[in-house]
C-alpha atoms as a PDB file:
ATOM      1  CA  MET A   1      -0.148  -0.171   0.191  1.00  0.00           C
ATOM      2  CA  LEU A   2       1.506   3.353  -1.032  1.00  0.00           C
ATOM      3  CA  SER A   3      -0.794   5.733   1.193  1.00  0.00           C
ATOM      4  CA  ASN A   4       2.113   5.819   3.249  1.00  0.00           C
ATOM      5  CA  ILE A   5       4.471   7.200   0.700  1.00  0.00           C
ATOM      6  CA  ILE A   6       6.407  10.089   0.639  1.00  0.00           C
ATOM      7  CA  ILE A   7       8.235  11.900  -2.737  1.00  0.00           C
ATOM      8  CA  ARG A   8      10.007  14.116  -2.444  1.00  0.00           C
ATOM      9  CA  ASP A   9      13.569  15.695  -3.492  1.00  0.00           C
ATOM     10  CA  GLU A  10      16.763  14.373  -2.345  1.00  0.00           C
ATOM     11  CA  ALA A  11      18.427  15.770   0.735  1.00  0.00           C
ATOM     12  CA  PRO A  12      22.179  15.925   1.600  1.00  0.00           C
ATOM     13  CA  ALA A  13      21.345  13.784   4.952  1.00  0.00           C
ATOM     14  CA  ASP A  14      19.595  11.105   2.624  1.00  0.00           C
ATOM     15  CA  ILE A  15      23.370  10.516   0.673  1.00  0.00           C
ATOM     16  CA  GLU A  16      24.450   8.167   2.353  1.00  0.00           C
ATOM     17  CA  ALA A  17      21.308   6.205   2.646  1.00  0.00           C
ATOM     18  CA  ILE A  18      20.459   5.966  -1.143  1.00  0.00           C
ATOM     19  CA  GLY A  19      24.214   4.704  -1.643  1.00  0.00           C
ATOM     20  CA  GLN A  20      22.605   1.517   0.338  1.00  0.00           C
ATOM     21  CA  ILE A  21      19.574   1.127  -1.417  1.00  0.00           C
ATOM     22  CA  THR A  22      21.447   1.885  -4.863  1.00  0.00           C
ATOM     23  CA  VAL A  23      23.499  -0.816  -3.359  1.00  0.00           C
ATOM     24  CA  ALA A  24      21.012  -3.562  -2.004  1.00  0.00           C
ATOM     25  CA  ALA A  25      18.497  -2.904  -5.158  1.00  0.00           C
ATOM     26  CA  PHE A  26      21.106  -3.870  -7.789  1.00  0.00           C
ATOM     27  CA  ALA A  27      22.944  -6.237  -5.473  1.00  0.00           C
ATOM     28  CA  THR A  28      21.453  -9.326  -6.974  1.00  0.00           C
ATOM     29  CA  LEU A  29      20.903  -7.959 -10.872  1.00  0.00           C
ATOM     30  CA  SER A  30      23.094 -10.638 -13.052  1.00  0.00           C
ATOM     31  CA  VAL A  31      22.928  -7.771 -15.579  1.00  0.00           C
ATOM     32  CA  SER A  32      24.477  -5.033 -13.432  1.00  0.00           C
ATOM     33  CA  ARG A  33      27.559  -3.801 -13.351  1.00  0.00           C
ATOM     34  CA  HIS A  34      26.831  -3.340  -9.669  1.00  0.00           C
ATOM     35  CA  THR A  35      27.975   0.640  -9.737  1.00  0.00           C
ATOM     36  CA  GLU A  36      25.081   2.418  -9.853  1.00  0.00           C
ATOM     37  CA  GLN A  37      26.000   4.019  -6.383  1.00  0.00           C
ATOM     38  CA  PHE A  38      29.091   5.468  -8.456  1.00  0.00           C
ATOM     39  CA  ILE A  39      27.032   6.727 -10.913  1.00  0.00           C
ATOM     40  CA  ILE A  40      24.647   8.719  -8.479  1.00  0.00           C
ATOM     41  CA  ALA A  41      27.870  10.005  -6.498  1.00  0.00           C
ATOM     42  CA  ALA A  42      29.461  10.921  -9.930  1.00  0.00           C
ATOM     43  CA  LEU A  43      26.059  12.940 -11.602  1.00  0.00           C
ATOM     44  CA  ARG A  44      25.925  14.389  -7.805  1.00  0.00           C
ATOM     45  CA  ARG A  45      29.899  15.988  -7.867  1.00  0.00           C
ATOM     46  CA  ALA A  46      28.856  16.734 -11.289  1.00  0.00           C
ATOM     47  CA  ARG A  47      25.737  19.109 -10.576  1.00  0.00           C
ATOM     48  CA  ALA A  48      24.462  16.957 -12.881  1.00  0.00           C
ATOM     49  CA  LEU A  49      21.757  15.564 -11.493  1.00  0.00           C
ATOM     50  CA  SER A  50      18.527  17.573 -12.687  1.00  0.00           C
ATOM     51  CA  VAL A  51      16.135  15.690 -10.294  1.00  0.00           C
ATOM     52  CA  SER A  52      16.669  13.031  -7.762  1.00  0.00           C
ATOM     53  CA  LEU A  53      14.022  11.793  -5.840  1.00  0.00           C
ATOM     54  CA  VAL A  54      13.611   9.549  -2.865  1.00  0.00           C
ATOM     55  CA  ALA A  55      10.560   7.401  -1.716  1.00  0.00           C
ATOM     56  CA  GLU A  56      10.143   7.768   2.309  1.00  0.00           C
ATOM     57  CA  SER A  57       8.004   5.415   4.738  1.00  0.00           C
ATOM     58  CA  ALA A  58       7.953   5.952   8.604  1.00  0.00           C
ATOM     59  CA  GLY A  59      10.375   8.243   8.012  1.00  0.00           C
ATOM     60  CA  GLU A  60      12.572   5.715   6.161  1.00  0.00           C
ATOM     61  CA  LEU A  61      14.123   5.915   2.726  1.00  0.00           C
ATOM     62  CA  ILE A  62      12.747   3.081   0.503  1.00  0.00           C
ATOM     63  CA  GLY A  63      13.791   4.031  -2.689  1.00  0.00           C
ATOM     64  CA  HIS A  64      15.892   6.761  -5.002  1.00  0.00           C
ATOM     65  CA  ILE A  65      15.389   7.665  -8.667  1.00  0.00           C
ATOM     66  CA  ALA A  66      17.911  10.180 -10.861  1.00  0.00           C
ATOM     67  CA  PHE A  67      17.780  12.037 -14.122  1.00  0.00           C
ATOM     68  CA  SER A  68      20.282  13.399 -15.592  1.00  0.00           C
ATOM     69  CA  PRO A  69      21.054  15.733 -18.708  1.00  0.00           C
ATOM     70  CA  VAL A  70      21.734  13.777 -22.209  1.00  0.00           C
ATOM     71  CA  VAL A  71      23.328  14.690 -25.491  1.00  0.00           C
ATOM     72  CA  LEU A  72      22.067  14.301 -28.339  1.00  0.00           C
ATOM     73  CA  SER A  73      23.721  14.039 -31.797  1.00  0.00           C
ATOM     74  CA  ASP A  74      20.782  15.349 -33.910  1.00  0.00           C
ATOM     75  CA  GLY A  75      21.319  18.487 -31.751  1.00  0.00           C
ATOM     76  CA  SER A  76      17.934  18.066 -30.159  1.00  0.00           C
ATOM     77  CA  ALA A  77      18.221  20.104 -26.611  1.00  0.00           C
ATOM     78  CA  GLY A  78      15.592  19.271 -23.414  1.00  0.00           C
ATOM     79  CA  TRP A  79      16.260  15.244 -22.872  1.00  0.00           C
ATOM     80  CA  TYR A  80      17.110  13.683 -19.748  1.00  0.00           C
ATOM     81  CA  GLY A  81      18.084  10.380 -18.711  1.00  0.00           C
ATOM     82  CA  MET A  82      16.353   8.408 -16.339  1.00  0.00           C
ATOM     83  CA  GLY A  83      18.205   5.871 -13.706  1.00  0.00           C
ATOM     84  CA  PRO A  84      19.233   4.633 -11.647  1.00  0.00           C
ATOM     85  CA  LEU A  85      16.041   3.750 -10.380  1.00  0.00           C
ATOM     86  CA  SER A  86      16.541   2.033  -7.253  1.00  0.00           C
ATOM     87  CA  VAL A  87      14.088   0.581  -4.388  1.00  0.00           C
ATOM     88  CA  VAL A  88      15.313  -1.603  -1.179  1.00  0.00           C
ATOM     89  CA  PRO A  89      14.546  -5.265  -1.842  1.00  0.00           C
ATOM     90  CA  SER A  90      11.829  -6.064   0.897  1.00  0.00           C
ATOM     91  CA  ARG A  91       9.898  -2.842  -0.949  1.00  0.00           C
ATOM     92  CA  GLN A  92       9.929  -3.577  -4.652  1.00  0.00           C
ATOM     93  CA  ARG A  93       6.956  -4.794  -6.576  1.00  0.00           C
ATOM     94  CA  ALA A  94       4.806  -2.627  -4.123  1.00  0.00           C
ATOM     95  CA  GLY A  95       4.317   0.213  -6.640  1.00  0.00           C
ATOM     96  CA  VAL A  96       7.285   2.290  -4.882  1.00  0.00           C
ATOM     97  CA  GLY A  97       9.323   2.301  -8.239  1.00  0.00           C
ATOM     98  CA  THR A  98       5.992   3.202  -9.978  1.00  0.00           C
ATOM     99  CA  ALA A  99       5.321   6.245  -8.015  1.00  0.00           C
ATOM    100  CA  LEU A 100       9.405   7.303  -8.342  1.00  0.00           C
ATOM    101  CA  VAL A 101       9.088   7.084 -12.061  1.00  0.00           C
ATOM    102  CA  GLN A 102       5.867   9.206 -11.971  1.00  0.00           C
ATOM    103  CA  ALA A 103       7.013  11.546 -10.183  1.00  0.00           C
ATOM    104  CA  GLY A 104      10.354  12.057 -11.825  1.00  0.00           C
ATOM    105  CA  LEU A 105       8.407  12.320 -14.753  1.00  0.00           C
ATOM    106  CA  ALA A 106       6.029  15.160 -13.855  1.00  0.00           C
ATOM    107  CA  ARG A 107       9.149  16.840 -12.935  1.00  0.00           C
ATOM    108  CA  LEU A 108      10.857  16.809 -16.203  1.00  0.00           C
ATOM    109  CA  SER A 109       7.438  17.730 -18.145  1.00  0.00           C
ATOM    110  CA  GLY A 110       7.526  21.179 -15.469  1.00  0.00           C
ATOM    111  CA  LEU A 111      10.956  21.884 -16.473  1.00  0.00           C
ATOM    112  CA  SER A 112       9.776  21.976 -19.901  1.00  0.00           C
ATOM    113  CA  ALA A 113      12.195  18.521 -20.711  1.00  0.00           C
ATOM    114  CA  ALA A 114      11.781  17.332 -24.364  1.00  0.00           C
ATOM    115  CA  GLY A 115      11.661  13.972 -23.333  1.00  0.00           C
ATOM    116  CA  CYS A 116      13.388  10.905 -21.616  1.00  0.00           C
ATOM    117  CA  CYS A 117      15.471   7.940 -22.390  1.00  0.00           C
ATOM    118  CA  LEU A 118      16.666   5.247 -20.445  1.00  0.00           C
ATOM    119  CA  VAL A 119      18.260   1.743 -20.495  1.00  0.00           C
ATOM    120  CA  GLY A 120      15.908  -1.248 -18.993  1.00  0.00           C
ATOM    121  CA  HIS A 121      14.032  -4.052 -19.011  1.00  0.00           C
ATOM    122  CA  PRO A 122      11.289  -3.884 -21.478  1.00  0.00           C
ATOM    123  CA  ALA A 123       8.280  -5.147 -19.145  1.00  0.00           C
ATOM    124  CA  TYR A 124       8.622  -2.449 -16.444  1.00  0.00           C
ATOM    125  CA  TYR A 125       9.360   0.919 -18.757  1.00  0.00           C
ATOM    126  CA  THR A 126       7.123   0.316 -21.575  1.00  0.00           C
ATOM    127  CA  ARG A 127       4.058   0.489 -18.738  1.00  0.00           C
ATOM    128  CA  PHE A 128       4.989   4.140 -18.676  1.00  0.00           C
ATOM    129  CA  GLY A 129       4.969   5.162 -22.401  1.00  0.00           C
ATOM    130  CA  PHE A 130       8.563   4.249 -23.203  1.00  0.00           C
ATOM    131  CA  ARG A 131       9.384   2.843 -26.326  1.00  0.00           C
ATOM    132  CA  PRO A 132      12.297   1.764 -28.585  1.00  0.00           C
ATOM    133  CA  VAL A 133      12.295   4.267 -31.350  1.00  0.00           C
ATOM    134  CA  PRO A 134      13.898   3.019 -34.594  1.00  0.00           C
ATOM    135  CA  GLY A 135      16.782   5.425 -35.687  1.00  0.00           C
ATOM    136  CA  LEU A 136      17.415   6.536 -31.928  1.00  0.00           C
ATOM    137  CA  SER A 137      20.098   4.347 -30.016  1.00  0.00           C
ATOM    138  CA  VAL A 138      22.940   4.581 -27.191  1.00  0.00           C
ATOM    139  CA  ASP A 139      26.253   3.004 -27.828  1.00  0.00           C
ATOM    140  CA  GLY A 140      26.891  -0.410 -26.334  1.00  0.00           C
ATOM    141  CA  VAL A 141      23.438  -1.171 -25.615  1.00  0.00           C
ATOM    142  CA  PRO A 142      20.727  -3.720 -27.508  1.00  0.00           C
ATOM    143  CA  ASP A 143      17.836  -1.628 -29.117  1.00  0.00           C
ATOM    144  CA  GLU A 144      15.340  -3.528 -26.906  1.00  0.00           C
ATOM    145  CA  PHE A 145      17.028  -2.251 -24.429  1.00  0.00           C
ATOM    146  CA  PHE A 146      16.891   0.951 -24.826  1.00  0.00           C
ATOM    147  CA  PHE A 147      13.844   3.580 -24.622  1.00  0.00           C
ATOM    148  CA  ALA A 148      12.570   7.121 -25.242  1.00  0.00           C
ATOM    149  CA  LEU A 149       9.336   8.726 -24.483  1.00  0.00           C
ATOM    150  CA  SER A 150       8.804  12.242 -25.814  1.00  0.00           C
ATOM    151  CA  PHE A 151       6.856  14.984 -24.341  1.00  0.00           C
ATOM    152  CA  GLY A 152       6.122  16.322 -27.808  1.00  0.00           C
ATOM    153  CA  ALA A 153       5.223  15.138 -30.874  1.00  0.00           C
ATOM    154  CA  ALA A 154       8.564  13.836 -32.429  1.00  0.00           C
ATOM    155  CA  CYS A 155      11.475  12.061 -30.640  1.00  0.00           C
ATOM    156  CA  PRO A 156      14.928  12.931 -32.080  1.00  0.00           C
ATOM    157  CA  GLN A 157      17.533  10.944 -34.410  1.00  0.00           C
ATOM    158  CA  GLY A 158      20.833   9.677 -33.897  1.00  0.00           C
ATOM    159  CA  ARG A 159      22.670   8.729 -30.942  1.00  0.00           C
ATOM    160  CA  VAL A 160      22.512   8.895 -27.429  1.00  0.00           C
ATOM    161  CA  ALA A 161      24.977   9.822 -24.689  1.00  0.00           C
ATOM    162  CA  PHE A 162      24.694   9.527 -20.929  1.00  0.00           C
ATOM    163  CA  HIS A 163      26.749  11.529 -18.998  1.00  0.00           C
ATOM    164  CA  PRO A 164      30.431  10.926 -18.241  1.00  0.00           C
ATOM    165  CA  ALA A 165      29.427  10.007 -14.718  1.00  0.00           C
ATOM    166  CA  PHE A 166      27.492   6.817 -16.057  1.00  0.00           C
ATOM    167  CA  PHE A 167      31.388   5.336 -16.729  1.00  0.00           C
ATOM    168  CA  ALA A 168      31.986   5.397 -12.723  1.00  0.00           C
ATOM    169  CA  ASP A 169      32.788   2.406 -11.574  1.00  0.00           C
ATOM    170  CA  GLY A 170      34.297   2.726  -8.146  1.00  0.00           C
ATOM    171  CA  SER A 171      37.987   2.816  -8.717  1.00  0.00           C
ATOM    172  CA  SER A 172      39.135   5.911  -8.259  1.00  0.00           C
ATOM    173  CA  ALA A 173      38.970   7.818  -4.822  1.00  0.00           C
ATOM    174  CA  GLU A 174      36.899  10.521  -6.707  1.00  0.00           C
ATOM    175  CA  ASP A 175      33.976   7.248  -7.544  1.00  0.00           C
ATOM    176  CA  VAL A 176      33.566   6.650  -4.032  1.00  0.00           C
ATOM    177  CA  ARG A 177      33.451  10.195  -2.640  1.00  0.00           C
END
């Protein structure tokens, strides 16, 4: 039941818990490189977290979602990448991730964003309107796992580049701060 869930902006006091939630959420996911917590920290350091929301229940953080700007090779402006999305394992499949995605997309729309893209599981993200877009891709990602959602009429074409923070892997001192 989501009646006791609050979705809000991250606060400085949330940073450690966000890292812990992210590690726990991806711990058993075999397709993960287990670097998501480093990506979020690098995005935060680069001031590239355009939207960073947490889900809170009874004073405890149970989820997090991040959105950051992307660069499109066709020059389209106002596009964002979603992710990582993390929910503590004990609260997964209870609507927390859905609430975070919906709140994040509403926030992006309020910022006059043109659209959002992500790398993720087809069965999950298509329910929000995300679709594979012929002619739009990201290097190294199979087309069936890359999705976009335009807030306007048309989707851009070309290559999408996520923020360089997505290469953070914990191997440098910068990655773990």
